[in-house]
């Protein structure tokens, strides 16, 4: 019981620490401001489409804090297939952080 309570508290802190302006569950692209090229992350079913992030590292983390996927982006437009159970995850590419839902 205590472990579950601590896990839920950690997940809440993790979610609440992400600024609301960059937290979304949708298929709309998210833009990193201040760069000539904008980093976009688009979710379609269990696939992530990442644009303009060449040379950066993509991380997918569960809401409990467990790292699920860590991939280096090799091309300007890359598709990453996530073989993960349905649920919510945190995706980070460079300075762009996004909460996603896999359905």
PDB file of N, CA and C in Angstrom:
ATOM      1  N   UNK A   1       0.825  -1.191   0.000  1.00  0.00           N
ATOM      2  CA  UNK A   1       0.000   0.000   0.000  1.00  0.00           C
ATOM      3  C   UNK A   1       0.868   1.252   0.000  1.00  0.00           C
ATOM      4  N   UNK A   2       1.902   1.267   0.842  1.00  0.00           N
ATOM      5  CA  UNK A   2       2.775   2.432   0.946  1.00  0.00           C
ATOM      6  C   UNK A   2       3.551   2.635  -0.353  1.00  0.00           C
ATOM      7  N   UNK A   3       3.998   1.523  -0.964  1.00  0.00           N
ATOM      8  CA  UNK A   3       4.741   1.626  -2.222  1.00  0.00           C
ATOM      9  C   UNK A   3       3.854   2.221  -3.311  1.00  0.00           C
ATOM     10  N   UNK A   4       2.599   1.773  -3.373  1.00  0.00           N
ATOM     11  CA  UNK A   4       1.657   2.296  -4.377  1.00  0.00           C
ATOM     12  C   UNK A   4       1.395   3.784  -4.145  1.00  0.00           C
ATOM     13  N   UNK A   5       1.246   4.176  -2.879  1.00  0.00           N
ATOM     14  CA  UNK A   5       1.011   5.576  -2.544  1.00  0.00           C
ATOM     15  C   UNK A   5       2.202   6.442  -2.940  1.00  0.00           C
ATOM     16  N   UNK A   6       3.418   5.957  -2.674  1.00  0.00           N
ATOM     17  CA  UNK A   6       4.618   6.690  -3.049  1.00  0.00           C
ATOM     18  C   UNK A   6       4.756   6.791  -4.566  1.00  0.00           C
ATOM     19  N   UNK A   7       4.419   5.711  -5.277  1.00  0.00           N
ATOM     20  CA  UNK A   7       4.473   5.727  -6.736  1.00  0.00           C
ATOM     21  C   UNK A   7       3.502   6.747  -7.298  1.00  0.00           C
ATOM     22  N   UNK A   8       2.301   6.793  -6.756  1.00  0.00           N
ATOM     23  CA  UNK A   8       1.308   7.761  -7.230  1.00  0.00           C
ATOM     24  C   UNK A   8       1.747   9.187  -6.918  1.00  0.00           C
ATOM     25  N   UNK A   9       2.342   9.401  -5.756  1.00  0.00           N
ATOM     26  CA  UNK A   9       2.818  10.737  -5.397  1.00  0.00           C
ATOM     27  C   UNK A   9       3.944  11.158  -6.329  1.00  0.00           C
ATOM     28  N   UNK A  10       4.858  10.237  -6.649  1.00  0.00           N
ATOM     29  CA  UNK A  10       5.951  10.553  -7.561  1.00  0.00           C
ATOM     30  C   UNK A  10       5.419  10.901  -8.946  1.00  0.00           C
ATOM     31  N   UNK A  11       4.449  10.128  -9.422  1.00  0.00           N
ATOM     32  CA  UNK A  11       3.856  10.390 -10.740  1.00  0.00           C
ATOM     33  C   UNK A  11       3.184  11.757 -10.759  1.00  0.00           C
ATOM     34  N   UNK A  12       2.497  12.110  -9.686  1.00  0.00           N
ATOM     35  CA  UNK A  12       1.840  13.419  -9.619  1.00  0.00           C
ATOM     36  C   UNK A  12       2.871  14.544  -9.650  1.00  0.00           C
ATOM     37  N   UNK A  13       3.958  14.381  -8.925  1.00  0.00           N
ATOM     38  CA  UNK A  13       5.013  15.398  -8.928  1.00  0.00           C
ATOM     39  C   UNK A  13       5.628  15.515 -10.312  1.00  0.00           C
ATOM     40  N   UNK A  14       5.857  14.382 -10.973  1.00  0.00           N
ATOM     41  CA  UNK A  14       6.437  14.383 -12.312  1.00  0.00           C
ATOM     42  C   UNK A  14       5.531  15.112 -13.295  1.00  0.00           C
ATOM     43  N   UNK A  15       4.243  14.821 -13.253  1.00  0.00           N
ATOM     44  CA  UNK A  15       3.294  15.453 -14.174  1.00  0.00           C
ATOM     45  C   UNK A  15       3.147  16.935 -13.864  1.00  0.00           C
ATOM     46  N   UNK A  16       3.069  17.279 -12.598  1.00  0.00           N
ATOM     47  CA  UNK A  16       2.868  18.676 -12.223  1.00  0.00           C
ATOM     48  C   UNK A  16       4.114  19.526 -12.438  1.00  0.00           C
ATOM     49  N   UNK A  17       5.303  18.893 -12.534  1.00  0.00           N
ATOM     50  CA  UNK A  17       6.526  19.656 -12.748  1.00  0.00           C
ATOM     51  C   UNK A  17       6.692  20.090 -14.199  1.00  0.00           C
ATOM     52  N   UNK A  18       5.914  19.489 -15.111  1.00  0.00           N
ATOM     53  CA  UNK A  18       5.960  19.867 -16.529  1.00  0.00           C
ATOM     54  C   UNK A  18       5.092  21.100 -16.708  1.00  0.00           C
ATOM     55  N   UNK A  19       5.623  22.197 -17.246  1.00  0.00           N
ATOM     56  CA  UNK A  19       4.804  23.396 -17.432  1.00  0.00           C
ATOM     57  C   UNK A  19       3.558  23.098 -18.256  1.00  0.00           C
ATOM     58  N   UNK A  20       2.457  23.667 -17.842  1.00  0.00           N
ATOM     59  CA  UNK A  20       1.178  23.402 -18.502  1.00  0.00           C
ATOM     60  C   UNK A  20       1.193  23.829 -19.964  1.00  0.00           C
ATOM     61  N   UNK A  21       2.032  24.800 -20.329  1.00  0.00           N
ATOM     62  CA  UNK A  21       2.051  25.268 -21.711  1.00  0.00           C
ATOM     63  C   UNK A  21       2.625  24.236 -22.664  1.00  0.00           C
ATOM     64  N   UNK A  22       3.389  23.247 -22.143  1.00  0.00           N
ATOM     65  CA  UNK A  22       3.955  22.243 -23.033  1.00  0.00           C
ATOM     66  C   UNK A  22       3.373  20.863 -22.787  1.00  0.00           C
ATOM     67  N   UNK A  23       2.336  20.782 -21.967  1.00  0.00           N
ATOM     68  CA  UNK A  23       1.735  19.499 -21.668  1.00  0.00           C
ATOM     69  C   UNK A  23       0.445  19.365 -22.455  1.00  0.00           C
ATOM     70  N   UNK A  24       0.358  18.333 -23.280  1.00  0.00           N
ATOM     71  CA  UNK A  24      -0.847  18.159 -24.089  1.00  0.00           C
ATOM     72  C   UNK A  24      -1.029  16.697 -24.436  1.00  0.00           C
ATOM     73  N   UNK A  25      -2.270  16.312 -24.593  1.00  0.00           N
ATOM     74  CA  UNK A  25      -2.569  14.987 -25.110  1.00  0.00           C
ATOM     75  C   UNK A  25      -3.377  15.232 -26.378  1.00  0.00           C
ATOM     76  N   UNK A  26      -2.687  15.282 -27.499  1.00  0.00           N
ATOM     77  CA  UNK A  26      -3.356  15.511 -28.774  1.00  0.00           C
ATOM     78  C   UNK A  26      -2.416  15.136 -29.890  1.00  0.00           C
ATOM     79  N   UNK A  27      -2.889  15.243 -31.096  1.00  0.00           N
ATOM     80  CA  UNK A  27      -2.061  14.978 -32.258  1.00  0.00           C
ATOM     81  C   UNK A  27      -1.465  16.252 -32.826  1.00  0.00           C
ATOM     82  N   UNK A  28      -1.631  17.367 -32.145  1.00  0.00           N
ATOM     83  CA  UNK A  28      -1.079  18.634 -32.619  1.00  0.00           C
ATOM     84  C   UNK A  28       0.429  18.650 -32.389  1.00  0.00           C
ATOM     85  N   UNK A  29       1.208  19.155 -33.336  1.00  0.00           N
ATOM     86  CA  UNK A  29       2.650  19.241 -33.131  1.00  0.00           C
ATOM     87  C   UNK A  29       2.998  20.248 -32.048  1.00  0.00           C
ATOM     88  N   UNK A  30       4.096  19.997 -31.368  1.00  0.00           N
ATOM     89  CA  UNK A  30       4.587  20.886 -30.331  1.00  0.00           C
ATOM     90  C   UNK A  30       5.870  21.510 -30.827  1.00  0.00           C
ATOM     91  N   UNK A  31       6.038  22.798 -30.667  1.00  0.00           N
ATOM     92  CA  UNK A  31       7.167  23.516 -31.230  1.00  0.00           C
ATOM     93  C   UNK A  31       8.122  23.977 -30.143  1.00  0.00           C
ATOM     94  N   UNK A  32       9.409  23.827 -30.416  1.00  0.00           N
ATOM     95  CA  UNK A  32      10.438  24.369 -29.543  1.00  0.00           C
ATOM     96  C   UNK A  32      10.764  25.755 -30.061  1.00  0.00           C
ATOM     97  N   UNK A  33      10.581  26.760 -29.227  1.00  0.00           N
ATOM     98  CA  UNK A  33      10.762  28.123 -29.688  1.00  0.00           C
ATOM     99  C   UNK A  33      12.218  28.553 -29.556  1.00  0.00           C
ATOM    100  N   UNK A  34      12.622  29.502 -30.375  1.00  0.00           N
ATOM    101  CA  UNK A  34      13.971  30.035 -30.304  1.00  0.00           C
ATOM    102  C   UNK A  34      14.928  29.419 -31.303  1.00  0.00           C
ATOM    103  N   UNK A  35      14.491  28.444 -32.045  1.00  0.00           N
ATOM    104  CA  UNK A  35      15.339  27.818 -33.055  1.00  0.00           C
ATOM    105  C   UNK A  35      14.815  28.162 -34.438  1.00  0.00           C
ATOM    106  N   UNK A  36      15.722  28.108 -35.421  1.00  0.00           N
ATOM    107  CA  UNK A  36      15.288  28.304 -36.795  1.00  0.00           C
ATOM    108  C   UNK A  36      14.394  27.155 -37.227  1.00  0.00           C
ATOM    109  N   UNK A  37      14.755  25.955 -36.810  1.00  0.00           N
ATOM    110  CA  UNK A  37      13.958  24.777 -37.121  1.00  0.00           C
ATOM    111  C   UNK A  37      13.205  24.379 -35.862  1.00  0.00           C
ATOM    112  N   UNK A  38      11.921  24.160 -35.999  1.00  0.00           N
ATOM    113  CA  UNK A  38      11.088  23.814 -34.863  1.00  0.00           C
ATOM    114  C   UNK A  38      11.002  22.302 -34.719  1.00  0.00           C
ATOM    115  N   UNK A  39      11.215  21.796 -33.516  1.00  0.00           N
ATOM    116  CA  UNK A  39      11.094  20.370 -33.240  1.00  0.00           C
ATOM    117  C   UNK A  39       9.615  20.057 -33.094  1.00  0.00           C
ATOM    118  N   UNK A  40       9.133  19.070 -33.841  1.00  0.00           N
ATOM    119  CA  UNK A  40       7.735  18.655 -33.723  1.00  0.00           C
ATOM    120  C   UNK A  40       7.661  17.192 -33.334  1.00  0.00           C
ATOM    121  N   UNK A  41       6.690  16.899 -32.483  1.00  0.00           N
ATOM    122  CA  UNK A  41       6.416  15.529 -32.044  1.00  0.00           C
ATOM    123  C   UNK A  41       4.942  15.288 -32.314  1.00  0.00           C
ATOM    124  N   UNK A  42       4.638  14.272 -33.115  1.00  0.00           N
ATOM    125  CA  UNK A  42       3.252  13.934 -33.428  1.00  0.00           C
ATOM    126  C   UNK A  42       3.036  12.469 -33.071  1.00  0.00           C
ATOM    127  N   UNK A  43       1.938  12.176 -32.384  1.00  0.00           N
ATOM    128  CA  UNK A  43       1.597  10.813 -31.976  1.00  0.00           C
ATOM    129  C   UNK A  43       0.450  10.323 -32.833  1.00  0.00           C
ATOM    130  N   UNK A  44       0.631   9.141 -33.430  1.00  0.00           N
ATOM    131  CA  UNK A  44      -0.447   8.479 -34.163  1.00  0.00           C
ATOM    132  C   UNK A  44      -0.464   7.025 -33.739  1.00  0.00           C
ATOM    133  N   UNK A  45      -1.479   6.649 -32.994  1.00  0.00           N
ATOM    134  CA  UNK A  45      -1.643   5.325 -32.401  1.00  0.00           C
ATOM    135  C   UNK A  45      -0.424   4.996 -31.553  1.00  0.00           C
ATOM    136  N   UNK A  46       0.427   4.056 -31.958  1.00  0.00           N
ATOM    137  CA  UNK A  46       1.602   3.714 -31.145  1.00  0.00           C
ATOM    138  C   UNK A  46       2.903   4.169 -31.811  1.00  0.00           C
ATOM    139  N   UNK A  47       2.817   5.128 -32.735  1.00  0.00           N
ATOM    140  CA  UNK A  47       4.006   5.644 -33.423  1.00  0.00           C
ATOM    141  C   UNK A  47       4.234   7.109 -33.071  1.00  0.00           C
ATOM    142  N   UNK A  48       5.496   7.467 -32.940  1.00  0.00           N
ATOM    143  CA  UNK A  48       5.893   8.867 -32.757  1.00  0.00           C
ATOM    144  C   UNK A  48       6.560   9.331 -34.036  1.00  0.00           C
ATOM    145  N   UNK A  49       6.197  10.508 -34.500  1.00  0.00           N
ATOM    146  CA  UNK A  49       6.843  11.131 -35.647  1.00  0.00           C
ATOM    147  C   UNK A  49       7.560  12.367 -35.141  1.00  0.00           C
ATOM    148  N   UNK A  50       8.883  12.401 -35.296  1.00  0.00           N
ATOM    149  CA  UNK A  50       9.703  13.502 -34.800  1.00  0.00           C
ATOM    150  C   UNK A  50      10.360  14.185 -35.988  1.00  0.00           C
ATOM    151  N   UNK A  51      10.202  15.506 -36.066  1.00  0.00           N
ATOM    152  CA  UNK A  51      10.791  16.287 -37.152  1.00  0.00           C
ATOM    153  C   UNK A  51      11.736  17.339 -36.593  1.00  0.00           C
ATOM    154  N   UNK A  52      12.802  17.623 -37.349  1.00  0.00           N
ATOM    155  CA  UNK A  52      13.776  18.671 -37.036  1.00  0.00           C
ATOM    156  C   UNK A  52      14.484  18.454 -35.703  1.00  0.00           C
ATOM    157  N   UNK A  53      14.785  17.213 -35.374  1.00  0.00           N
ATOM    158  CA  UNK A  53      15.488  16.908 -34.129  1.00  0.00           C
ATOM    159  C   UNK A  53      16.743  16.077 -34.388  1.00  0.00           C
ATOM    160  N   UNK A  54      17.296  16.176 -35.570  1.00  0.00           N
ATOM    161  CA  UNK A  54      18.460  15.368 -35.936  1.00  0.00           C
ATOM    162  C   UNK A  54      19.611  15.604 -34.965  1.00  0.00           C
ATOM    163  N   UNK A  55      20.213  14.507 -34.488  1.00  0.00           N
ATOM    164  CA  UNK A  55      21.343  14.584 -33.568  1.00  0.00           C
ATOM    165  C   UNK A  55      20.942  14.647 -32.106  1.00  0.00           C
ATOM    166  N   UNK A  56      19.651  14.779 -31.809  1.00  0.00           N
ATOM    167  CA  UNK A  56      19.186  14.838 -30.428  1.00  0.00           C
ATOM    168  C   UNK A  56      18.724  13.457 -29.972  1.00  0.00           C
ATOM    169  N   UNK A  57      18.501  13.323 -28.684  1.00  0.00           N
ATOM    170  CA  UNK A  57      18.072  12.048 -28.109  1.00  0.00           C
ATOM    171  C   UNK A  57      16.606  12.147 -27.699  1.00  0.00           C
ATOM    172  N   UNK A  58      15.811  11.154 -28.081  1.00  0.00           N
ATOM    173  CA  UNK A  58      14.410  11.057 -27.688  1.00  0.00           C
ATOM    174  C   UNK A  58      14.326  10.094 -26.517  1.00  0.00           C
ATOM    175  N   UNK A  59      13.628  10.515 -25.462  1.00  0.00           N
ATOM    176  CA  UNK A  59      13.415   9.660 -24.300  1.00  0.00           C
ATOM    177  C   UNK A  59      11.927   9.528 -24.053  1.00  0.00           C
ATOM    178  N   UNK A  60      11.488   8.308 -23.760  1.00  0.00           N
ATOM    179  CA  UNK A  60      10.108   8.042 -23.364  1.00  0.00           C
ATOM    180  C   UNK A  60      10.166   7.469 -21.957  1.00  0.00           C
ATOM    181  N   UNK A  61       9.409   8.096 -21.044  1.00  0.00           N
ATOM    182  CA  UNK A  61       9.420   7.710 -19.633  1.00  0.00           C
ATOM    183  C   UNK A  61       7.983   7.453 -19.192  1.00  0.00           C
ATOM    184  N   UNK A  62       7.782   6.401 -18.406  1.00  0.00           N
ATOM    185  CA  UNK A  62       6.444   6.135 -17.866  1.00  0.00           C
ATOM    186  C   UNK A  62       6.151   7.151 -16.773  1.00  0.00           C
ATOM    187  N   UNK A  63       4.890   7.252 -16.362  1.00  0.00           N
ATOM    188  CA  UNK A  63       4.528   8.203 -15.311  1.00  0.00           C
ATOM    189  C   UNK A  63       5.096   7.810 -13.958  1.00  0.00           C
ATOM    190  N   UNK A  64       5.575   6.584 -13.834  1.00  0.00           N
ATOM    191  CA  UNK A  64       6.220   6.169 -12.590  1.00  0.00           C
ATOM    192  C   UNK A  64       7.712   6.504 -12.592  1.00  0.00           C
ATOM    193  N   UNK A  65       8.213   7.030 -13.711  1.00  0.00           N
ATOM    194  CA  UNK A  65       9.613   7.433 -13.793  1.00  0.00           C
ATOM    195  C   UNK A  65      10.522   6.422 -14.451  1.00  0.00           C
ATOM    196  N   UNK A  66       9.996   5.300 -14.883  1.00  0.00           N
ATOM    197  CA  UNK A  66      10.818   4.264 -15.523  1.00  0.00           C
ATOM    198  C   UNK A  66      11.071   4.627 -16.981  1.00  0.00           C
ATOM    199  N   UNK A  67      12.350   4.603 -17.380  1.00  0.00           N
ATOM    200  CA  UNK A  67      12.692   4.909 -18.767  1.00  0.00           C
ATOM    201  C   UNK A  67      12.289   3.720 -19.646  1.00  0.00           C
ATOM    202  N   UNK A  68      11.477   4.027 -20.681  1.00  0.00           N
ATOM    203  CA  UNK A  68      10.945   2.994 -21.559  1.00  0.00           C
ATOM    204  C   UNK A  68      11.784   2.891 -22.830  1.00  0.00           C
ATOM    205  N   UNK A  69      12.075   4.033 -23.455  1.00  0.00           N
ATOM    206  CA  UNK A  69      12.796   4.073 -24.730  1.00  0.00           C
ATOM    207  C   UNK A  69      13.779   5.240 -24.697  1.00  0.00           C
ATOM    208  N   UNK A  70      14.960   5.005 -25.256  1.00  0.00           N
ATOM    209  CA  UNK A  70      15.941   6.076 -25.458  1.00  0.00           C
ATOM    210  C   UNK A  70      16.554   5.839 -26.836  1.00  0.00           C
ATOM    211  N   UNK A  71      16.330   6.802 -27.748  1.00  0.00           N
ATOM    212  CA  UNK A  71      16.748   6.638 -29.141  1.00  0.00           C
ATOM    213  C   UNK A  71      17.405   7.928 -29.616  1.00  0.00           C
ATOM    214  N   UNK A  72      18.512   7.799 -30.343  1.00  0.00           N
ATOM    215  CA  UNK A  72      19.124   8.966 -30.972  1.00  0.00           C
ATOM    216  C   UNK A  72      18.446   9.189 -32.322  1.00  0.00           C
ATOM    217  N   UNK A  73      18.040  10.425 -32.567  1.00  0.00           N
ATOM    218  CA  UNK A  73      17.378  10.780 -33.822  1.00  0.00           C
ATOM    219  C   UNK A  73      18.450  10.982 -34.881  1.00  0.00           C
ATOM    220  N   UNK A  74      18.388  10.181 -35.957  1.00  0.00           N
ATOM    221  CA  UNK A  74      19.420  10.199 -36.987  1.00  0.00           C
ATOM    222  C   UNK A  74      19.060  11.029 -38.212  1.00  0.00           C
ATOM    223  N   UNK A  75      17.778  11.295 -38.415  1.00  0.00           N
ATOM    224  CA  UNK A  75      17.370  11.989 -39.633  1.00  0.00           C
ATOM    225  C   UNK A  75      16.450  13.168 -39.283  1.00  0.00           C
ATOM    226  N   UNK A  76      16.278  14.093 -40.212  1.00  0.00           N
ATOM    227  CA  UNK A  76      15.417  15.248 -39.944  1.00  0.00           C
ATOM    228  C   UNK A  76      13.955  14.863 -39.672  1.00  0.00           C
ATOM    229  N   UNK A  77      13.501  13.776 -40.260  1.00  0.00           N
ATOM    230  CA  UNK A  77      12.142  13.282 -40.017  1.00  0.00           C
ATOM    231  C   UNK A  77      12.246  11.797 -39.709  1.00  0.00           C
ATOM    232  N   UNK A  78      11.837  11.410 -38.507  1.00  0.00           N
ATOM    233  CA  UNK A  78      11.998  10.013 -38.112  1.00  0.00           C
ATOM    234  C   UNK A  78      10.728   9.493 -37.459  1.00  0.00           C
ATOM    235  N   UNK A  79      10.419   8.237 -37.740  1.00  0.00           N
ATOM    236  CA  UNK A  79       9.278   7.545 -37.137  1.00  0.00           C
ATOM    237  C   UNK A  79       9.811   6.536 -36.141  1.00  0.00           C
ATOM    238  N   UNK A  80       9.248   6.550 -34.932  1.00  0.00           N
ATOM    239  CA  UNK A  80       9.648   5.602 -33.897  1.00  0.00           C
ATOM    240  C   UNK A  80       8.407   4.827 -33.481  1.00  0.00           C
ATOM    241  N   UNK A  81       8.476   3.514 -33.617  1.00  0.00           N
ATOM    242  CA  UNK A  81       7.368   2.653 -33.216  1.00  0.00           C
ATOM    243  C   UNK A  81       7.529   2.319 -31.742  1.00  0.00           C
ATOM    244  N   UNK A  82       6.534   2.656 -30.939  1.00  0.00           N
ATOM    245  CA  UNK A  82       6.570   2.357 -29.506  1.00  0.00           C
ATOM    246  C   UNK A  82       5.788   1.078 -29.253  1.00  0.00           C
ATOM    247  N   UNK A  83       6.477   0.061 -28.820  1.00  0.00           N
ATOM    248  CA  UNK A  83       5.828  -1.195 -28.474  1.00  0.00           C
ATOM    249  C   UNK A  83       5.622  -1.214 -26.960  1.00  0.00           C
ATOM    250  N   UNK A  84       4.680  -0.387 -26.517  1.00  0.00           N
ATOM    251  CA  UNK A  84       4.410  -0.231 -25.088  1.00  0.00           C
ATOM    252  C   UNK A  84       2.914  -0.435 -24.844  1.00  0.00           C
ATOM    253  N   UNK A  85       2.555  -0.788 -23.609  1.00  0.00           N
ATOM    254  CA  UNK A  85       1.128  -0.928 -23.294  1.00  0.00           C
ATOM    255  C   UNK A  85       0.398   0.412 -23.399  1.00  0.00           C
ATOM    256  N   UNK A  86      -0.920   0.354 -23.531  1.00  0.00           N
ATOM    257  CA  UNK A  86      -1.726   1.571 -23.548  1.00  0.00           C
ATOM    258  C   UNK A  86      -1.511   2.331 -22.251  1.00  0.00           C
ATOM    259  N   UNK A  87      -1.512   3.660 -22.358  1.00  0.00           N
ATOM    260  CA  UNK A  87      -1.354   4.480 -21.167  1.00  0.00           C
ATOM    261  C   UNK A  87      -0.731   5.815 -21.492  1.00  0.00           C
ATOM    262  N   UNK A  88      -0.374   6.564 -20.442  1.00  0.00           N
ATOM    263  CA  UNK A  88       0.240   7.885 -20.589  1.00  0.00           C
ATOM    264  C   UNK A  88       1.738   7.793 -20.366  1.00  0.00           C
ATOM    265  N   UNK A  89       2.478   8.574 -21.147  1.00  0.00           N
ATOM    266  CA  UNK A  89       3.936   8.593 -21.074  1.00  0.00           C
ATOM    267  C   UNK A  89       4.425  10.028 -21.231  1.00  0.00           C
ATOM    268  N   UNK A  90       5.658  10.280 -20.818  1.00  0.00           N
ATOM    269  CA  UNK A  90       6.312  11.560 -21.003  1.00  0.00           C
ATOM    270  C   UNK A  90       7.372  11.376 -22.090  1.00  0.00           C
ATOM    271  N   UNK A  91       7.374  12.267 -23.100  1.00  0.00           N
ATOM    272  CA  UNK A  91       8.344  12.213 -24.197  1.00  0.00           C
ATOM    273  C   UNK A  91       9.184  13.475 -24.129  1.00  0.00           C
ATOM    274  N   UNK A  92      10.497  13.300 -24.252  1.00  0.00           N
ATOM    275  CA  UNK A  92      11.414  14.443 -24.229  1.00  0.00           C
ATOM    276  C   UNK A  92      12.370  14.339 -25.410  1.00  0.00           C
ATOM    277  N   UNK A  93      12.482  15.436 -26.163  1.00  0.00           N
ATOM    278  CA  UNK A  93      13.458  15.553 -27.243  1.00  0.00           C
ATOM    279  C   UNK A  93      14.104  16.919 -27.075  1.00  0.00           C
ATOM    280  N   UNK A  94      15.384  16.948 -26.685  1.00  0.00           N
ATOM    281  CA  UNK A  94      16.035  18.231 -26.432  1.00  0.00           C
ATOM    282  C   UNK A  94      15.327  18.947 -25.299  1.00  0.00           C
ATOM    283  N   UNK A  95      14.839  20.169 -25.559  1.00  0.00           N
ATOM    284  CA  UNK A  95      14.120  20.942 -24.547  1.00  0.00           C
ATOM    285  C   UNK A  95      12.607  20.768 -24.636  1.00  0.00           C
ATOM    286  N   UNK A  96      12.145  20.000 -25.599  1.00  0.00           N
ATOM    287  CA  UNK A  96      10.715  19.786 -25.784  1.00  0.00           C
ATOM    288  C   UNK A  96      10.277  18.597 -24.934  1.00  0.00           C
ATOM    289  N   UNK A  97       9.289  18.811 -24.071  1.00  0.00           N
ATOM    290  CA  UNK A  97       8.738  17.758 -23.220  1.00  0.00           C
ATOM    291  C   UNK A  97       7.247  17.703 -23.484  1.00  0.00           C
ATOM    292  N   UNK A  98       6.721  16.478 -23.589  1.00  0.00           N
ATOM    293  CA  UNK A  98       5.309  16.333 -23.905  1.00  0.00           C
ATOM    294  C   UNK A  98       4.728  15.118 -23.235  1.00  0.00           C
ATOM    295  N   UNK A  99       3.519  15.235 -22.725  1.00  0.00           N
ATOM    296  CA  UNK A  99       2.790  14.108 -22.175  1.00  0.00           C
ATOM    297  C   UNK A  99       1.945  13.536 -23.309  1.00  0.00           C
ATOM    298  N   UNK A 100       2.045  12.217 -23.534  1.00  0.00           N
ATOM    299  CA  UNK A 100       1.296  11.581 -24.622  1.00  0.00           C
ATOM    300  C   UNK A 100       0.442  10.463 -24.070  1.00  0.00           C
ATOM    301  N   UNK A 101      -0.554  10.078 -24.839  1.00  0.00           N
ATOM    302  CA  UNK A 101      -1.400   8.942 -24.497  1.00  0.00           C
ATOM    303  C   UNK A 101      -1.348   7.939 -25.652  1.00  0.00           C
ATOM    304  N   UNK A 102      -1.020   6.698 -25.340  1.00  0.00           N
ATOM    305  CA  UNK A 102      -1.032   5.618 -26.328  1.00  0.00           C
ATOM    306  C   UNK A 102      -2.343   4.867 -26.122  1.00  0.00           C
ATOM    307  N   UNK A 103      -3.131   4.776 -27.193  1.00  0.00           N
ATOM    308  CA  UNK A 103      -4.458   4.150 -27.076  1.00  0.00           C
ATOM    309  C   UNK A 103      -4.553   2.917 -27.926  1.00  0.00           C
TER     310      UNK A 103
END
